C-alpha atoms as a PDB file:
ATOM      1  CA  UNK A   1      -2.640 -31.361 -14.666  1.00  0.00           C
ATOM      2  CA  UNK A   2      -2.796 -34.855 -16.428  1.00  0.00           C
ATOM      3  CA  UNK A   3      -5.731 -36.762 -17.531  1.00  0.00           C
ATOM      4  CA  UNK A   4      -7.418 -39.106 -15.307  1.00  0.00           C
ATOM      5  CA  UNK A   5      -5.809 -42.298 -14.675  1.00  0.00           C
ATOM      6  CA  UNK A   6      -7.289 -45.469 -16.678  1.00  0.00           C
ATOM      7  CA  UNK A   7      -9.194 -47.464 -13.958  1.00  0.00           C
ATOM      8  CA  UNK A   8     -10.077 -51.247 -14.322  1.00  0.00           C
ATOM      9  CA  UNK A   9     -13.173 -52.281 -11.983  1.00  0.00           C
ATOM     10  CA  UNK A  10     -13.010 -55.653 -10.453  1.00  0.00           C
ATOM     11  CA  UNK A  11     -16.589 -55.231  -9.503  1.00  0.00           C
ATOM     12  CA  UNK A  12     -18.812 -52.157  -8.959  1.00  0.00           C
ATOM     13  CA  UNK A  13     -17.302 -49.592  -6.606  1.00  0.00           C
ATOM     14  CA  UNK A  14     -13.904 -51.561  -6.452  1.00  0.00           C
ATOM     15  CA  UNK A  15     -11.331 -50.327  -9.001  1.00  0.00           C
ATOM     16  CA  UNK A  16      -7.389 -49.602  -9.555  1.00  0.00           C
ATOM     17  CA  UNK A  17      -5.019 -48.659 -12.183  1.00  0.00           C
ATOM     18  CA  UNK A  18      -4.268 -51.453 -14.426  1.00  0.00           C
ATOM     19  CA  UNK A  19      -1.084 -53.037 -12.694  1.00  0.00           C
ATOM     20  CA  UNK A  20      -2.674 -52.631  -9.422  1.00  0.00           C
ATOM     21  CA  UNK A  21      -5.917 -54.197 -10.531  1.00  0.00           C
ATOM     22  CA  UNK A  22      -4.071 -57.403 -11.910  1.00  0.00           C
ATOM     23  CA  UNK A  23      -2.266 -57.468  -8.355  1.00  0.00           C
ATOM     24  CA  UNK A  24      -5.381 -57.367  -6.468  1.00  0.00           C
ATOM     25  CA  UNK A  25      -6.953 -60.233  -8.647  1.00  0.00           C
ATOM     26  CA  UNK A  26      -3.913 -62.351  -7.790  1.00  0.00           C
ATOM     27  CA  UNK A  27      -4.318 -61.310  -4.225  1.00  0.00           C
ATOM     28  CA  UNK A  28      -7.901 -62.332  -4.151  1.00  0.00           C
ATOM     29  CA  UNK A  29      -7.140 -65.637  -5.697  1.00  0.00           C
ATOM     30  CA  UNK A  30      -4.549 -66.305  -3.250  1.00  0.00           C
ATOM     31  CA  UNK A  31      -7.042 -65.386  -0.446  1.00  0.00           C
ATOM     32  CA  UNK A  32      -9.617 -67.508  -1.807  1.00  0.00           C
ATOM     33  CA  UNK A  33     -12.374 -64.694  -1.811  1.00  0.00           C
ATOM     34  CA  UNK A  34     -12.882 -60.978  -2.792  1.00  0.00           C
ATOM     35  CA  UNK A  35     -11.207 -58.907  -0.112  1.00  0.00           C
ATOM     36  CA  UNK A  36     -13.181 -56.662   2.117  1.00  0.00           C
ATOM     37  CA  UNK A  37     -12.567 -53.320   0.482  1.00  0.00           C
ATOM     38  CA  UNK A  38     -13.836 -50.012   2.179  1.00  0.00           C
ATOM     39  CA  UNK A  39     -12.434 -47.582  -0.467  1.00  0.00           C
ATOM     40  CA  UNK A  40     -10.490 -47.935  -3.548  1.00  0.00           C
ATOM     41  CA  UNK A  41     -10.159 -45.329  -6.369  1.00  0.00           C
ATOM     42  CA  UNK A  42     -11.420 -42.020  -5.560  1.00  0.00           C
ATOM     43  CA  UNK A  43     -12.353 -39.017  -7.962  1.00  0.00           C
ATOM     44  CA  UNK A  44     -10.223 -35.811  -7.556  1.00  0.00           C
ATOM     45  CA  UNK A  45     -13.276 -33.719  -6.300  1.00  0.00           C
ATOM     46  CA  UNK A  46     -14.231 -36.269  -3.547  1.00  0.00           C
ATOM     47  CA  UNK A  47     -10.711 -36.573  -2.504  1.00  0.00           C
ATOM     48  CA  UNK A  48     -10.286 -32.627  -2.408  1.00  0.00           C
ATOM     49  CA  UNK A  49     -13.497 -32.431  -0.351  1.00  0.00           C
ATOM     50  CA  UNK A  50     -12.220 -35.076   2.103  1.00  0.00           C
ATOM     51  CA  UNK A  51      -8.821 -33.213   2.380  1.00  0.00           C
ATOM     52  CA  UNK A  52     -10.356 -29.740   2.912  1.00  0.00           C
ATOM     53  CA  UNK A  53     -12.714 -31.269   5.537  1.00  0.00           C
ATOM     54  CA  UNK A  54      -9.700 -32.837   7.317  1.00  0.00           C
ATOM     55  CA  UNK A  55      -7.587 -29.767   7.238  1.00  0.00           C
ATOM     56  CA  UNK A  56     -10.408 -27.472   8.704  1.00  0.00           C
ATOM     57  CA  UNK A  57     -10.710 -29.859  11.670  1.00  0.00           C
ATOM     58  CA  UNK A  58      -7.009 -29.915  12.279  1.00  0.00           C
ATOM     59  CA  UNK A  59      -7.058 -26.012  12.226  1.00  0.00           C
ATOM     60  CA  UNK A  60      -9.840 -25.898  14.432  1.00  0.00           C
ATOM     61  CA  UNK A  61     -12.170 -24.217  11.648  1.00  0.00           C
ATOM     62  CA  UNK A  62     -14.762 -27.243  11.398  1.00  0.00           C
ATOM     63  CA  UNK A  63     -15.999 -30.417  12.848  1.00  0.00           C
ATOM     64  CA  UNK A  64     -14.325 -33.605  12.769  1.00  0.00           C
ATOM     65  CA  UNK A  65     -14.931 -35.335   9.385  1.00  0.00           C
ATOM     66  CA  UNK A  66     -16.682 -38.857   9.298  1.00  0.00           C
ATOM     67  CA  UNK A  67     -13.319 -40.130   7.836  1.00  0.00           C
ATOM     68  CA  UNK A  68      -9.651 -40.629   8.578  1.00  0.00           C
ATOM     69  CA  UNK A  69      -6.851 -38.512   7.474  1.00  0.00           C
ATOM     70  CA  UNK A  70      -7.230 -37.369   3.942  1.00  0.00           C
ATOM     71  CA  UNK A  71      -4.326 -35.846   1.811  1.00  0.00           C
ATOM     72  CA  UNK A  72      -4.499 -33.539  -1.193  1.00  0.00           C
ATOM     73  CA  UNK A  73      -5.714 -34.963  -4.326  1.00  0.00           C
ATOM     74  CA  UNK A  74      -2.561 -34.400  -6.207  1.00  0.00           C
ATOM     75  CA  UNK A  75      -0.840 -36.407  -3.387  1.00  0.00           C
ATOM     76  CA  UNK A  76      -3.446 -39.242  -2.933  1.00  0.00           C
ATOM     77  CA  UNK A  77      -2.711 -42.609  -4.118  1.00  0.00           C
ATOM     78  CA  UNK A  78      -6.565 -43.066  -4.170  1.00  0.00           C
ATOM     79  CA  UNK A  79      -6.745 -40.662  -6.870  1.00  0.00           C
ATOM     80  CA  UNK A  80      -3.977 -42.390  -8.671  1.00  0.00           C
ATOM     81  CA  UNK A  81      -5.792 -45.969  -8.457  1.00  0.00           C
ATOM     82  CA  UNK A  82      -2.951 -47.301  -6.247  1.00  0.00           C
ATOM     83  CA  UNK A  83      -4.394 -47.397  -2.853  1.00  0.00           C
ATOM     84  CA  UNK A  84      -7.111 -49.655  -0.980  1.00  0.00           C
ATOM     85  CA  UNK A  85      -8.630 -49.216   2.404  1.00  0.00           C
ATOM     86  CA  UNK A  86      -9.357 -52.748   3.763  1.00  0.00           C
ATOM     87  CA  UNK A  87     -10.608 -54.076   7.201  1.00  0.00           C
ATOM     88  CA  UNK A  88      -9.149 -57.178   6.070  1.00  0.00           C
ATOM     89  CA  UNK A  89      -5.871 -55.814   7.827  1.00  0.00           C
ATOM     90  CA  UNK A  90      -7.531 -57.472  10.882  1.00  0.00           C
ATOM     91  CA  UNK A  91      -7.617 -60.837   9.251  1.00  0.00           C
ATOM     92  CA  UNK A  92      -4.813 -63.258  10.614  1.00  0.00           C
ATOM     93  CA  UNK A  93      -2.223 -63.484   7.670  1.00  0.00           C
ATOM     94  CA  UNK A  94      -3.711 -60.929   5.327  1.00  0.00           C
ATOM     95  CA  UNK A  95      -1.191 -58.227   5.888  1.00  0.00           C
ATOM     96  CA  UNK A  96       1.655 -60.609   5.000  1.00  0.00           C
ATOM     97  CA  UNK A  97      -0.238 -61.817   1.835  1.00  0.00           C
ATOM     98  CA  UNK A  98      -0.962 -58.327   0.812  1.00  0.00           C
ATOM     99  CA  UNK A  99       2.694 -57.474   1.238  1.00  0.00           C
ATOM    100  CA  UNK A 100       3.774 -60.474  -0.639  1.00  0.00           C
ATOM    101  CA  UNK A 101       1.588 -59.058  -3.725  1.00  0.00           C
ATOM    102  CA  UNK A 102       2.997 -55.424  -3.326  1.00  0.00           C
ATOM    103  CA  UNK A 103       0.128 -54.049  -1.134  1.00  0.00           C
ATOM    104  CA  UNK A 104       1.896 -52.112   1.625  1.00  0.00           C
ATOM    105  CA  UNK A 105       0.518 -50.336   4.828  1.00  0.00           C
ATOM    106  CA  UNK A 106       2.473 -47.146   4.128  1.00  0.00           C
ATOM    107  CA  UNK A 107       0.782 -45.441   7.320  1.00  0.00           C
ATOM    108  CA  UNK A 108       0.533 -48.306   9.697  1.00  0.00           C
ATOM    109  CA  UNK A 109       1.860 -46.199  12.515  1.00  0.00           C
ATOM    110  CA  UNK A 110      -1.168 -44.029  12.414  1.00  0.00           C
ATOM    111  CA  UNK A 111      -3.931 -45.593  14.470  1.00  0.00           C
ATOM    112  CA  UNK A 112      -6.444 -44.194  12.142  1.00  0.00           C
ATOM    113  CA  UNK A 113      -4.776 -45.403   9.000  1.00  0.00           C
ATOM    114  CA  UNK A 114      -3.906 -49.031   9.584  1.00  0.00           C
ATOM    115  CA  UNK A 115      -6.555 -49.999   7.158  1.00  0.00           C
ATOM    116  CA  UNK A 116      -4.766 -48.146   4.187  1.00  0.00           C
ATOM    117  CA  UNK A 117      -2.677 -50.122   1.670  1.00  0.00           C
ATOM    118  CA  UNK A 118      -0.722 -48.825  -1.339  1.00  0.00           C
ATOM    119  CA  UNK A 119       0.439 -50.802  -4.127  1.00  0.00           C
ATOM    120  CA  UNK A 120       4.132 -50.661  -4.904  1.00  0.00           C
ATOM    121  CA  UNK A 121       4.950 -52.644  -7.829  1.00  0.00           C
ATOM    122  CA  UNK A 122       8.592 -53.052  -7.051  1.00  0.00           C
ATOM    123  CA  UNK A 123       7.691 -54.981  -4.057  1.00  0.00           C
ATOM    124  CA  UNK A 124       5.212 -57.329  -5.685  1.00  0.00           C
ATOM    125  CA  UNK A 125       6.618 -60.865  -5.826  1.00  0.00           C
ATOM    126  CA  UNK A 126       3.974 -61.911  -8.414  1.00  0.00           C
ATOM    127  CA  UNK A 127       4.098 -59.130 -10.834  1.00  0.00           C
ATOM    128  CA  UNK A 128       5.175 -61.242 -13.620  1.00  0.00           C
ATOM    129  CA  UNK A 129       2.716 -64.074 -12.821  1.00  0.00           C
ATOM    130  CA  UNK A 130      -0.532 -64.063 -15.042  1.00  0.00           C
ATOM    131  CA  UNK A 131      -3.478 -62.530 -13.464  1.00  0.00           C
ATOM    132  CA  UNK A 132      -6.520 -64.737 -12.999  1.00  0.00           C
ATOM    133  CA  UNK A 133      -9.204 -63.968 -15.334  1.00  0.00           C
ATOM    134  CA  UNK A 134     -11.605 -61.774 -13.750  1.00  0.00           C
ATOM    135  CA  UNK A 135     -14.846 -60.094 -14.107  1.00  0.00           C
ATOM    136  CA  UNK A 136     -13.452 -56.784 -14.738  1.00  0.00           C
ATOM    137  CA  UNK A 137     -16.194 -54.262 -15.216  1.00  0.00           C
ATOM    138  CA  UNK A 138     -16.891 -50.588 -15.762  1.00  0.00           C
ATOM    139  CA  UNK A 139     -19.933 -48.951 -14.133  1.00  0.00           C
ATOM    140  CA  UNK A 140     -22.598 -48.259 -16.613  1.00  0.00           C
ATOM    141  CA  UNK A 141     -24.845 -45.181 -16.291  1.00  0.00           C
ATOM    142  CA  UNK A 142     -27.648 -47.700 -15.830  1.00  0.00           C
ATOM    143  CA  UNK A 143     -25.684 -49.193 -12.863  1.00  0.00           C
ATOM    144  CA  UNK A 144     -25.177 -45.844 -11.253  1.00  0.00           C
ATOM    145  CA  UNK A 145     -28.693 -45.191 -11.397  1.00  0.00           C
ATOM    146  CA  UNK A 146     -29.529 -48.385  -9.853  1.00  0.00           C
ATOM    147  CA  UNK A 147     -27.641 -47.270  -6.692  1.00  0.00           C
ATOM    148  CA  UNK A 148     -30.029 -44.391  -6.451  1.00  0.00           C
ATOM    149  CA  UNK A 149     -33.294 -46.183  -6.653  1.00  0.00           C
ATOM    150  CA  UNK A 150     -34.105 -46.008  -3.058  1.00  0.00           C
ATOM    151  CA  UNK A 151     -33.902 -42.366  -2.227  1.00  0.00           C
ATOM    152  CA  UNK A 152     -33.908 -41.317   1.345  1.00  0.00           C
ATOM    153  CA  UNK A 153     -34.195 -37.338   1.018  1.00  0.00           C
ATOM    154  CA  UNK A 154     -34.555 -34.548  -1.556  1.00  0.00           C
ATOM    155  CA  UNK A 155     -32.790 -31.296  -0.934  1.00  0.00           C
ATOM    156  CA  UNK A 156     -32.789 -28.198  -3.100  1.00  0.00           C
ATOM    157  CA  UNK A 157     -30.615 -25.154  -2.897  1.00  0.00           C
ATOM    158  CA  UNK A 158     -32.076 -21.995  -4.147  1.00  0.00           C
ATOM    159  CA  UNK A 159     -30.389 -19.827  -6.727  1.00  0.00           C
ATOM    160  CA  UNK A 160     -31.917 -16.284  -6.633  1.00  0.00           C
ATOM    161  CA  UNK A 161     -30.510 -15.141 -10.226  1.00  0.00           C
ATOM    162  CA  UNK A 162     -32.782 -15.619 -13.323  1.00  0.00           C
ATOM    163  CA  UNK A 163     -33.072 -19.110 -14.571  1.00  0.00           C
ATOM    164  CA  UNK A 164     -31.256 -19.770 -17.910  1.00  0.00           C
ATOM    165  CA  UNK A 165     -29.624 -23.027 -19.555  1.00  0.00           C
ATOM    166  CA  UNK A 166     -26.287 -21.951 -17.791  1.00  0.00           C
ATOM    167  CA  UNK A 167     -27.666 -20.832 -14.528  1.00  0.00           C
ATOM    168  CA  UNK A 168     -30.537 -23.300 -13.193  1.00  0.00           C
ATOM    169  CA  UNK A 169     -33.092 -21.906 -10.778  1.00  0.00           C
ATOM    170  CA  UNK A 170     -32.596 -24.912  -8.489  1.00  0.00           C
ATOM    171  CA  UNK A 171     -29.898 -27.524  -7.671  1.00  0.00           C
ATOM    172  CA  UNK A 172     -31.259 -30.693  -6.058  1.00  0.00           C
ATOM    173  CA  UNK A 173     -29.341 -33.403  -4.370  1.00  0.00           C
ATOM    174  CA  UNK A 174     -30.969 -36.737  -4.144  1.00  0.00           C
ATOM    175  CA  UNK A 175     -29.416 -38.967  -1.327  1.00  0.00           C
ATOM    176  CA  UNK A 176     -30.143 -42.603  -0.375  1.00  0.00           C
ATOM    177  CA  UNK A 177     -29.430 -44.615   2.647  1.00  0.00           C
ATOM    178  CA  UNK A 178     -26.211 -46.041   1.200  1.00  0.00           C
ATOM    179  CA  UNK A 179     -24.577 -42.616   0.944  1.00  0.00           C
ATOM    180  CA  UNK A 180     -24.940 -42.054  -2.832  1.00  0.00           C
ATOM    181  CA  UNK A 181     -26.107 -38.900  -4.105  1.00  0.00           C
ATOM    182  CA  UNK A 182     -26.793 -36.937  -7.328  1.00  0.00           C
ATOM    183  CA  UNK A 183     -26.833 -33.243  -7.749  1.00  0.00           C
ATOM    184  CA  UNK A 184     -29.223 -32.256 -10.610  1.00  0.00           C
ATOM    185  CA  UNK A 185     -30.284 -29.097 -11.904  1.00  0.00           C
ATOM    186  CA  UNK A 186     -33.527 -27.549 -13.267  1.00  0.00           C
ATOM    187  CA  UNK A 187     -34.486 -24.967 -15.635  1.00  0.00           C
ATOM    188  CA  UNK A 188     -38.185 -24.000 -15.891  1.00  0.00           C
ATOM    189  CA  UNK A 189     -39.428 -27.224 -14.470  1.00  0.00           C
ATOM    190  CA  UNK A 190     -37.321 -29.631 -16.559  1.00  0.00           C
ATOM    191  CA  UNK A 191     -34.559 -31.614 -14.941  1.00  0.00           C
ATOM    192  CA  UNK A 192     -31.447 -32.538 -16.627  1.00  0.00           C
ATOM    193  CA  UNK A 193     -31.408 -36.139 -15.124  1.00  0.00           C
ATOM    194  CA  UNK A 194     -33.181 -39.418 -15.990  1.00  0.00           C
ATOM    195  CA  UNK A 195     -32.960 -39.782 -12.128  1.00  0.00           C
ATOM    196  CA  UNK A 196     -34.820 -36.505 -11.033  1.00  0.00           C
ATOM    197  CA  UNK A 197     -37.369 -37.228 -13.943  1.00  0.00           C
ATOM    198  CA  UNK A 198     -37.905 -40.762 -12.371  1.00  0.00           C
ATOM    199  CA  UNK A 199     -38.127 -39.543  -9.080  1.00  0.00           C
ATOM    200  CA  UNK A 200     -40.464 -36.630 -10.132  1.00  0.00           C
ATOM    201  CA  UNK A 201     -39.065 -33.938  -8.073  1.00  0.00           C
ATOM    202  CA  UNK A 202     -41.280 -31.485  -6.681  1.00  0.00           C
ATOM    203  CA  UNK A 203     -41.454 -28.496  -4.197  1.00  0.00           C
ATOM    204  CA  UNK A 204     -41.648 -30.971  -1.486  1.00  0.00           C
ATOM    205  CA  UNK A 205     -37.786 -31.293  -1.543  1.00  0.00           C
ATOM    206  CA  UNK A 206     -36.305 -29.435   1.427  1.00  0.00           C
ATOM    207  CA  UNK A 207     -34.426 -26.141   0.815  1.00  0.00           C
ATOM    208  CA  UNK A 208     -31.129 -26.035   2.390  1.00  0.00           C
ATOM    209  CA  UNK A 209     -28.250 -23.400   1.813  1.00  0.00           C
ATOM    210  CA  UNK A 210     -25.268 -24.374  -0.450  1.00  0.00           C
ATOM    211  CA  UNK A 211     -22.801 -24.702   2.431  1.00  0.00           C
ATOM    212  CA  UNK A 212     -25.294 -27.447   4.022  1.00  0.00           C
ATOM    213  CA  UNK A 213     -25.543 -29.116   0.489  1.00  0.00           C
ATOM    214  CA  UNK A 214     -21.753 -29.526   0.331  1.00  0.00           C
ATOM    215  CA  UNK A 215     -21.817 -31.033   3.635  1.00  0.00           C
ATOM    216  CA  UNK A 216     -24.292 -33.566   2.716  1.00  0.00           C
ATOM    217  CA  UNK A 217     -22.139 -34.451  -0.102  1.00  0.00           C
ATOM    218  CA  UNK A 218     -19.178 -34.919   2.293  1.00  0.00           C
ATOM    219  CA  UNK A 219     -21.158 -37.034   4.515  1.00  0.00           C
ATOM    220  CA  UNK A 220     -22.368 -39.431   1.767  1.00  0.00           C
ATOM    221  CA  UNK A 221     -18.862 -39.614   0.327  1.00  0.00           C
ATOM    222  CA  UNK A 222     -17.874 -40.734   4.040  1.00  0.00           C
ATOM    223  CA  UNK A 223     -20.602 -43.146   4.267  1.00  0.00           C
ATOM    224  CA  UNK A 224     -19.746 -44.767   0.744  1.00  0.00           C
ATOM    225  CA  UNK A 225     -16.227 -45.232   1.703  1.00  0.00           C
ATOM    226  CA  UNK A 226     -17.181 -46.876   4.919  1.00  0.00           C
ATOM    227  CA  UNK A 227     -15.617 -44.588   7.341  1.00  0.00           C
END
C-alpha cells in the first residue's frame, strides 16, 4: 500500500490533493466566496468504518448509518484527496461552474449522492490558469486540540488485562457536540494526551463496551461530515 497522499488545506477541515486544491481555489474565486463543504479528504480508517457500516446495513447486519453510500477506502476518491461533498449542488449555477473547473458529480443518478463531486483534471478548463493565492493551512496539534475544548461526554472501555505501557488499563473517548472525538489511553493514572490531562479525566467517565465505542466514533464521523 502506498503512503498517504499529500493534502493541502484551504482552511481547517477542507483539504485536497495539490491539483484539486488549486482547482478549488480557482472555483471559489469564480464563485466569489468559500464553497459549502460538508466533507473533503478523509483518512483511511474513517472511510473504512463508514464503508463497513454501509455494507453491514445493506446486508441486513446493522442499522442504517448516518451517512450516504460509502465505498472501500482503497477505492474512495475522498481518501485520495480528489472528492468533495457540497450542499452547493442546490445553488443555481454551481454545478455548471464546478464542472468547468473539473469537479464532476460522478454519482448524480444516486439520490443520496447528489452532493458528491470528484476532481477530474482532464475536464478542468482552467487547469493551466494560475491559482489565486490562498491561505493554505495545515492543522496544527494546537488547532486540533481547540476543536475539543468543549467536551460533551467522556466514555471509557475497560481492558481486563494487566496494565502495561503497551496494554493500557483504560481507553477513553472524549466527544464534543460537533462530533469530534479523541481516543486516549491511560496507564496507572497517567494519560497519553494533553487533552486528557487538561480535562482531568476521572472515574466519572461512563464505562461502555468496545463495540459501543466504535459506534460512537462512527456517529461522530458522520456528524463531522455533515451527513
